[in-house]
């Protein structure tokens, strides 16, 4: 995209006309006077910016419009100066008006040209875009043609396969008809077998019901018998439990008696041991006194031993 100009042609034209109006000569009569009033340096100094080449080109165009349009060499012969001055002023006003229209028409033409250039550029861009799209379309059409050729070949293969499938379908239809007839015959035979099986099932069902009723009755009888046996077993179990309790009590009494007897036996063994020790002492004393006492003391010791022996069994009982 081009960079916008710092000074527009309209601004240049307005500045030139303003400089001519300030000089008191809105429509100069010669090229020299136009150049004296307006120059590239003065115009650039007045605008404050602008390319000298661009300003010179615009000045030449404005000079051609204002000076070379018929203002040079205008003279009215044999006319008084005052009338000639008035006529010249009137003519200059008409020419200025005409030049304004020319300038406006030229400006409109330039705008139309710019619009046409923009439209032409846009049309060229659009044409280029359309050419690109057309090239893409040609490529797509070529790809479509190749794809269409492949699809045609595939269609031929599919048509051949369809014919084969149709022939196979006809054969399968005939086989299906044969199979239908066989199925109908098999269905008839199956219906007969099903009726026979149903009759057999009914007989077996009745037999099963009779056997079930018999088994139910047998079960009820067996249940009554088992309930009686269960009651008798419960009674026997209660008797056994009472017997067990009695035996446990007797066992506890026996255990207590044995413990008491063991305690008494231990006490008796202690007494016997003490008596043995006493008898040993007595025997020792007797042995020492036998020589002096004679047979009498021996009899007394015998009586003592006999009395001790009779006392020990009594304590054991």
Protein backbone atom coordinates (compact mmCIF):
# COMPACT_ATOMS: atom_id res chain seq x y z
CA UNK A 1 0.00 0.00 0.00
CA UNK A 2 1.45 3.43 -1.06
CA UNK A 3 2.26 6.07 1.55
CA UNK A 4 -0.15 9.08 1.50
CA UNK A 5 1.31 12.36 0.18
CA UNK A 6 2.11 15.12 2.64
CA UNK A 7 0.38 17.80 0.44
CA UNK A 8 -2.73 17.03 -1.61
CA UNK A 9 -3.43 18.51 -5.08
CA UNK A 10 -6.48 20.32 -3.69
CA UNK A 11 -4.36 22.02 -1.06
CA UNK A 12 -1.80 23.05 -3.74
CA UNK A 13 -4.55 24.46 -5.99
CA UNK A 14 -6.19 26.38 -3.13
CA UNK A 15 -2.84 27.82 -2.05
CA UNK A 16 -1.99 28.95 -5.61
CA UNK A 17 -5.38 30.67 -6.04
CA UNK A 18 -4.97 32.33 -2.63
CA UNK A 19 -1.52 33.63 -3.61
CA UNK A 20 -2.94 35.01 -6.92
CA UNK A 21 -5.85 36.66 -5.07
CA UNK A 22 -3.45 38.24 -2.55
CA UNK A 23 -1.41 39.63 -5.48
CA UNK A 24 -4.58 41.24 -6.91
CA UNK A 25 -4.38 39.20 -10.09
CA UNK A 26 -6.67 36.14 -9.80
CA UNK A 27 -6.35 35.48 -13.55
CA UNK A 28 -2.81 36.46 -14.70
CA UNK A 29 -2.37 37.53 -18.29
CA UNK A 30 1.06 36.04 -18.92
CA UNK A 31 3.37 33.24 -17.96
CA UNK A 32 5.98 35.66 -16.63
CA UNK A 33 3.53 37.34 -14.25
CA UNK A 34 2.28 33.92 -13.04
CA UNK A 35 5.88 32.87 -12.37
CA UNK A 36 6.59 36.11 -10.54
CA UNK A 37 3.58 35.67 -8.26
CA UNK A 38 3.81 31.90 -7.76
CA UNK A 39 7.00 29.83 -7.71
CA UNK A 40 7.94 26.44 -6.35
CA UNK A 41 9.97 27.97 -3.53
CA UNK A 42 7.15 30.36 -2.49
CA UNK A 43 4.55 27.59 -2.73
CA UNK A 44 6.68 25.20 -0.66
CA UNK A 45 7.35 27.94 1.92
CA UNK A 46 3.60 28.73 2.02
CA UNK A 47 2.63 25.06 2.42
CA UNK A 48 5.51 24.20 4.80
CA UNK A 49 6.07 20.80 3.12
CA UNK A 50 5.99 19.08 -0.24
CA UNK A 51 8.25 17.57 -2.86
CA UNK A 52 9.64 20.24 -5.27
CA UNK A 53 9.15 17.97 -8.28
CA UNK A 54 5.53 17.29 -7.32
CA UNK A 55 4.91 21.01 -6.66
CA UNK A 56 6.47 21.91 -10.01
CA UNK A 57 4.30 19.41 -11.85
CA UNK A 58 1.14 20.75 -10.20
CA UNK A 59 2.18 24.36 -10.90
CA UNK A 60 2.63 23.56 -14.59
CA UNK A 61 -0.84 22.03 -14.69
CA UNK A 62 -2.41 25.04 -12.92
CA UNK A 63 -0.52 27.44 -15.19
CA UNK A 64 -1.82 25.60 -18.25
CA UNK A 65 -5.36 25.92 -16.91
CA UNK A 66 -5.18 29.57 -15.86
CA UNK A 67 -2.79 31.18 -18.34
CA UNK A 68 -2.70 29.07 -21.48
CA UNK A 69 -6.50 28.73 -21.67
CA UNK A 70 -6.85 31.93 -23.65
CA UNK A 71 -5.79 34.74 -21.37
CA UNK A 72 -2.49 35.52 -23.17
CA UNK A 73 -2.55 38.31 -25.77
CA UNK A 74 -6.13 39.46 -25.13
CA UNK A 75 -6.76 43.02 -26.56
CA UNK A 76 -9.74 44.98 -27.77
CA UNK A 77 -8.80 47.46 -30.64
CA UNK A 78 -10.34 50.95 -30.97
CA UNK A 79 -12.08 50.81 -27.59
CA UNK A 80 -11.72 53.51 -24.92
CA UNK A 81 -9.50 52.43 -22.06
CA UNK A 82 -12.26 52.68 -19.45
CA UNK A 83 -14.66 50.58 -21.53
CA UNK A 84 -11.84 48.21 -22.42
CA UNK A 85 -10.99 47.88 -18.72
CA UNK A 86 -14.64 47.12 -17.89
CA UNK A 87 -14.94 44.70 -20.74
CA UNK A 88 -11.67 43.08 -19.70
CA UNK A 89 -12.86 42.83 -16.10
CA UNK A 90 -16.16 41.30 -17.31
CA UNK A 91 -14.28 38.94 -19.62
CA UNK A 92 -11.86 37.97 -16.85
CA UNK A 93 -14.77 37.28 -14.49
CA UNK A 94 -16.40 35.09 -17.13
CA UNK A 95 -13.12 33.36 -17.83
CA UNK A 96 -12.52 32.90 -14.07
CA UNK A 97 -15.98 31.39 -13.73
CA UNK A 98 -15.32 29.17 -16.71
CA UNK A 99 -11.92 28.25 -15.34
CA UNK A 100 -13.55 27.37 -12.00
CA UNK A 101 -15.90 25.06 -13.86
CA UNK A 102 -12.96 23.65 -15.79
CA UNK A 103 -11.02 23.16 -12.59
CA UNK A 104 -14.03 21.49 -10.94
CA UNK A 105 -14.58 19.30 -14.00
CA UNK A 106 -10.89 18.45 -14.09
CA UNK A 107 -10.99 17.65 -10.40
CA UNK A 108 -14.05 15.47 -10.95
CA UNK A 109 -12.30 13.82 -13.87
CA UNK A 110 -9.24 13.14 -11.71
CA UNK A 111 -11.45 11.68 -8.99
CA UNK A 112 -13.24 9.58 -11.61
CA UNK A 113 -9.85 8.50 -12.96
CA UNK A 114 -8.65 7.61 -9.46
CA UNK A 115 -11.89 5.75 -8.87
CA UNK A 116 -11.47 4.00 -12.21
CA UNK A 117 -7.84 3.17 -11.38
CA UNK A 118 -8.91 1.79 -8.02
CA UNK A 119 -11.69 -0.17 -9.70
CA UNK A 120 -9.25 -1.35 -12.37
CA UNK A 121 -6.74 -2.38 -9.69
CA UNK A 122 -9.49 -4.15 -7.77
CA UNK A 123 -10.64 -5.77 -11.00
CA UNK A 124 -7.06 -6.87 -11.72
CA UNK A 125 -6.78 -8.28 -8.21
CA UNK A 126 -10.13 -9.97 -8.62
CA UNK A 127 -9.07 -11.25 -12.03
CA UNK A 128 -5.85 -12.61 -10.54
CA UNK A 129 -7.86 -14.17 -7.74
CA UNK A 130 -10.25 -15.64 -10.29
CA UNK A 131 -7.30 -16.93 -12.31
CA UNK A 132 -5.92 -18.56 -9.16
CA UNK A 133 -9.32 -20.01 -8.38
CA UNK A 134 -9.62 -21.14 -12.00
CA UNK A 135 -6.24 -22.86 -11.77
CA UNK A 136 -7.36 -24.49 -8.53
CA UNK A 137 -10.59 -25.51 -10.21
CA UNK A 138 -8.64 -26.95 -13.15
CA UNK A 139 -6.52 -28.91 -10.67
CA UNK A 140 -9.64 -30.05 -8.83
CA UNK A 141 -11.30 -30.96 -12.13
CA UNK A 142 -8.24 -32.98 -13.12
CA UNK A 143 -8.35 -34.74 -9.76
CA UNK A 144 -12.09 -35.22 -10.19
CA UNK A 145 -11.52 -36.63 -13.67
CA UNK A 146 -9.00 -39.10 -12.30
CA UNK A 147 -11.35 -39.94 -9.44
CA UNK A 148 -14.24 -40.28 -11.89
CA UNK A 149 -12.14 -42.61 -14.05
CA UNK A 150 -11.35 -44.69 -11.00
CA UNK A 151 -15.02 -44.67 -10.00
CA UNK A 152 -16.01 -45.76 -13.53
CA UNK A 153 -13.56 -48.65 -13.38
CA UNK A 154 -14.82 -49.49 -9.93
CA UNK A 155 -18.39 -49.22 -11.21
CA UNK A 156 -17.62 -51.70 -13.96
CA UNK A 157 -16.10 -54.07 -11.43
CA UNK A 158 -19.14 -53.60 -9.20
CA UNK A 159 -21.50 -54.20 -12.13
CA UNK A 160 -19.68 -57.44 -12.92
CA UNK A 161 -19.84 -58.39 -9.29
CA UNK A 162 -23.53 -57.46 -9.27
CA UNK A 163 -24.19 -59.80 -12.19
CA UNK A 164 -22.33 -62.57 -10.36
CA UNK A 165 -24.26 -61.83 -7.22
CA UNK A 166 -27.55 -61.84 -9.13
CA UNK A 167 -26.77 -65.26 -10.57
CA UNK A 168 -25.74 -66.44 -7.11
CA UNK A 169 -28.93 -64.90 -5.72
CA UNK A 170 -31.03 -66.79 -8.26
CA UNK A 171 -29.30 -70.00 -7.30
CA UNK A 172 -29.81 -69.19 -3.64
CA UNK A 173 -33.49 -68.47 -4.34
CA UNK A 174 -33.89 -71.91 -5.85
CA UNK A 175 -32.05 -73.41 -2.89
CA UNK A 176 -34.25 -71.36 -0.61
CA UNK A 177 -37.39 -72.71 -2.27
CA UNK A 178 -36.08 -76.25 -1.90
CA UNK A 179 -35.14 -75.52 1.69
CA UNK A 180 -38.64 -74.06 2.26
CA UNK A 181 -40.26 -77.24 1.00
CA UNK A 182 -37.92 -79.32 3.15
CA UNK A 183 -38.68 -77.03 6.08
CA UNK A 184 -42.43 -77.45 5.51
CA UNK A 185 -42.04 -81.24 5.46
CA UNK A 186 -39.82 -81.08 8.51
CA UNK A 187 -42.37 -78.81 10.21
CA UNK A 188 -45.13 -81.35 9.53
CA UNK A 189 -42.99 -84.18 10.87
CA UNK A 190 -42.02 -82.04 13.83
CA UNK A 191 -45.67 -81.24 14.52
CA UNK A 192 -46.48 -84.96 14.57
CA UNK A 193 -43.52 -85.70 16.82
CA UNK A 194 -44.48 -82.75 19.01
CA UNK A 195 -48.03 -84.12 19.37
CA UNK A 196 -46.65 -87.54 20.28
CA UNK A 197 -44.22 -86.02 22.75
CA UNK A 198 -47.00 -83.88 24.20
CA UNK A 199 -49.19 -86.97 24.72
CA UNK A 200 -46.22 -88.77 26.29
CA UNK A 201 -45.53 -85.70 28.42
CA UNK A 202 -49.14 -85.64 29.60
CA UNK A 203 -48.92 -89.33 30.60
CA UNK A 204 -45.63 -88.76 32.37
CA UNK A 205 -47.09 -85.69 34.05
CA UNK A 206 -50.03 -87.65 35.41
CA UNK A 207 -47.66 -90.43 36.54
CA UNK A 208 -45.43 -87.85 38.16
CA UNK A 209 -48.40 -86.35 39.97
CA UNK A 210 -49.42 -89.78 41.27
CA UNK A 211 -45.89 -90.54 42.38
CA UNK A 212 -45.62 -87.10 43.94
CA UNK A 213 -48.85 -87.65 45.89
CA UNK A 214 -47.63 -91.07 47.03
CA UNK A 215 -44.27 -89.65 48.04
CA UNK A 216 -46.01 -86.78 49.85
CA UNK A 217 -48.14 -89.28 51.79
CA UNK A 218 -45.08 -91.43 52.54
CA UNK A 219 -43.26 -88.28 53.64
CA UNK A 220 -46.11 -87.35 55.97
CA UNK A 221 -46.12 -90.87 57.50
CA UNK A 222 -42.36 -90.84 57.84
CA UNK A 223 -42.54 -87.40 59.36
CA UNK A 224 -45.06 -88.54 61.98
CA UNK A 225 -42.86 -91.57 62.77
CA UNK A 226 -39.75 -89.43 62.99
CA UNK A 227 -41.54 -86.93 65.21
CA UNK A 228 -42.52 -89.82 67.59
CA UNK A 229 -38.98 -91.13 67.57
CA UNK A 230 -37.73 -87.61 68.13
CA UNK A 231 -40.02 -87.27 71.16
CA UNK A 232 -38.83 -90.63 72.52
CA UNK A 233 -35.25 -89.63 71.86
CA UNK A 234 -35.88 -86.37 73.71
CA UNK A 235 -37.25 -88.31 76.67
CA UNK A 236 -34.27 -90.69 76.61
CA UNK A 237 -31.97 -87.68 76.34
CA UNK A 238 -33.64 -86.12 79.37
CA UNK A 239 -33.26 -89.44 81.27
CA UNK A 240 -29.63 -89.66 80.22
CA UNK A 241 -29.05 -86.09 81.32
CA UNK A 242 -30.61 -86.80 84.74
CA UNK A 243 -28.53 -89.99 85.01
CA UNK A 244 -25.47 -87.99 84.02
CA UNK A 245 -26.23 -85.40 86.68
CA UNK A 246 -26.73 -88.15 89.30
CA UNK A 247 -23.52 -89.89 88.26
CA UNK A 248 -21.66 -86.61 88.35
CA UNK A 249 -23.00 -85.98 91.87
CA UNK A 250 -22.01 -89.51 92.98
CA UNK A 251 -18.62 -89.03 91.35
CA UNK A 252 -18.19 -85.76 93.20
CA UNK A 253 -19.16 -87.49 96.48
CA UNK A 254 -16.79 -90.37 95.69
CA UNK A 255 -14.03 -87.92 94.86
CA UNK A 256 -14.65 -86.07 98.15
CA UNK A 257 -14.66 -89.43 100.02
CA UNK A 258 -11.42 -90.48 98.37
CA UNK A 259 -9.86 -87.14 99.22
CA UNK A 260 -11.05 -87.55 102.85
CA UNK A 261 -9.76 -91.16 102.94
CA UNK A 262 -6.44 -90.03 101.49
CA UNK A 263 -6.24 -87.35 104.17
CA UNK A 264 -7.05 -89.90 106.90
CA UNK A 265 -4.52 -92.38 105.41
CA UNK A 266 -1.88 -89.66 105.46
CA UNK A 267 -2.77 -88.88 109.10
CA UNK A 268 -2.74 -92.61 109.96
CA UNK A 269 0.64 -93.05 108.28
CA UNK A 270 1.94 -90.18 110.37
CA UNK A 271 0.58 -91.77 113.60
CA UNK A 272 1.99 -95.18 112.63
CA UNK A 273 5.37 -93.64 111.99
CA UNK A 274 5.21 -91.92 115.36
CA UNK A 275 4.22 -95.22 117.04
CA UNK A 276 7.05 -97.01 115.24
CA UNK A 277 9.46 -94.44 116.49
CA UNK A 278 7.95 -94.83 119.99
CA UNK A 279 8.18 -98.65 119.74
CA UNK A 280 11.78 -98.36 118.64
CA UNK A 281 12.51 -96.20 121.66
CA UNK A 282 10.57 -98.54 123.87
CA UNK A 283 12.37 -101.58 122.40
CA UNK A 284 15.69 -99.92 123.02
CA UNK A 285 14.71 -99.11 126.61
CA UNK A 286 13.45 -102.64 127.13
CA UNK A 287 16.60 -104.15 125.81
CA UNK A 288 18.61 -102.16 128.29
CA UNK A 289 16.34 -103.17 131.19
CA UNK A 290 15.98 -106.90 130.39
CA UNK A 291 19.01 -107.88 132.22
CA UNK A 292 17.84 -106.15 135.35
CA UNK A 293 14.11 -106.62 135.36
CA UNK A 294 13.77 -110.19 134.04
CA UNK A 295 10.68 -111.58 132.31
CA UNK A 296 8.11 -109.29 134.01
CA UNK A 297 9.05 -106.17 132.24
CA UNK A 298 9.12 -108.16 129.01
CA UNK A 299 5.46 -109.08 129.47
CA UNK A 300 4.61 -105.48 130.22
CA UNK A 301 6.24 -104.41 126.93
CA UNK A 302 4.38 -107.09 125.06
CA UNK A 303 1.09 -105.82 126.43
CA UNK A 304 2.03 -102.28 125.39
CA UNK A 305 2.82 -103.39 121.83
CA UNK A 306 -0.41 -105.33 121.55
CA UNK A 307 -2.41 -102.32 122.74
CA UNK A 308 -0.70 -100.06 120.18
CA UNK A 309 -1.40 -102.53 117.36
CA UNK A 310 -5.09 -102.73 118.27
CA UNK A 311 -5.35 -98.94 118.31
CA UNK A 312 -3.86 -98.45 114.81
CA UNK A 313 -6.52 -100.48 112.86
CA UNK A 314 -9.27 -98.64 114.72
CA UNK A 315 -7.89 -95.28 113.61
CA UNK A 316 -7.53 -96.58 110.04
CA UNK A 317 -11.24 -97.47 109.96
